[in-house]
Amino acid sequence: MTNRPPVDVLVHADWSVSPKKRWVARAEWSGGWTVTAVEPVGPTATFVADLLRDAATRHVLAGFDFPIGLPRSYGAKTGEADFSAFLRGVGTGRWSRFADIARTPDEISIERPFYPAGSTGGVTQAALIRAHGEAAFDDLRRACERATTTRRAACPIFWTLGGNQVGRGALSGWVEVVKPAQAGGASVWPFDGSLEDLAAGPGLVIAETYPAEAYGHVGVRFAQAESKTNQSHRRSKAAPIHGWAARYSVALAESVRVLIDDGFGDGKSGEDQFDALMGLLGMIEVADGRRPALRPGSAVDPWEGCIIGQAGQR
């Protein structure tokens, strides 16, 4: 291992607007990593309070699979200094209606950038693009959300319709997790500093993750005919997960082994549990120094941020 930040606890939450679909995986360091649990997040206020309490004496890195950042072009229009400072003001003053999703195109503004609130007739992406003063849908994406040779483009955060939309989850995560954590003294990577700097002492650091990209970091791949929603397909990934764990001396609690070998059950939460674990394993790759948190030599955008470990190479 090289350049390992002194992280004591790793937490990764697969987030959703629905509390029933929120699952968290945990790992602790004691001469090596042990994945201790995959479990429901539970009441969010209690979850955040527990993270902050643990971070009073240990360094805790918590990853969440919702966007943490905004497009640079939008940030420039706000008049605010950066995303971290902007987020602290969300829900107050000028930004009191920021999370109030626009119902019609004429309601879209800098102060209410999300659209649409529903799927009534006449809803179009073109209306969102025009209201934001952009030329194309891609202009509403952050750099880390744009398509690459190995990944499709993510849905822009301001579009809140469809199965792949992420805006509602981001608003939920910012209001329920990030802002309360900030108020309790937490830092937000990479806006508040590098992992190494933020890990100089006890504390909570929050970062954005992308579980689907972490699959490849761990050696898990779904064929075109496979889906993470299918229990048997998830079960077929047990061998590469166990192989990765053995290769890097990552211990798995018995309850976690059972979940992996079973394909995370036959319930609807199976895919959420799977992504909670995969995101955590991707974070271990970063914490162990096999994968840089940020693309080497790249500058941190004060508005867009980055997905942890996204651009690293073995």
Foldseek 3Di string as FASTA:
>chain_A
DPPFAQAAKEKEWEFDLDQVQIWMWIWGDDPAIETEDIGRCPDLVVNQVVLFVVLVAGAYEYEYAAFQFFQPLLVVVVPDDFSVVVLLCQCDDLLVCCVVADCDLVPDASSPLADDPDDDPPDDVVSSCVRSVHDDQCSRAHPQQPDDPVGHGQHRLRYDDDDRHRVSRNVCCSVRHVNVNVVSPEAEPPLVHFSNVNSPGGHYYYAYAHLVLLCVVQPHDDPPPDDLQDQVSQLVCLVSNVVSCVVRVYHYPPVRNVCSNRSNDNDRSSSSSVSNVSRRVSVVCCSVPVAPQDDPPDDADRGRGHHGRNPTDD
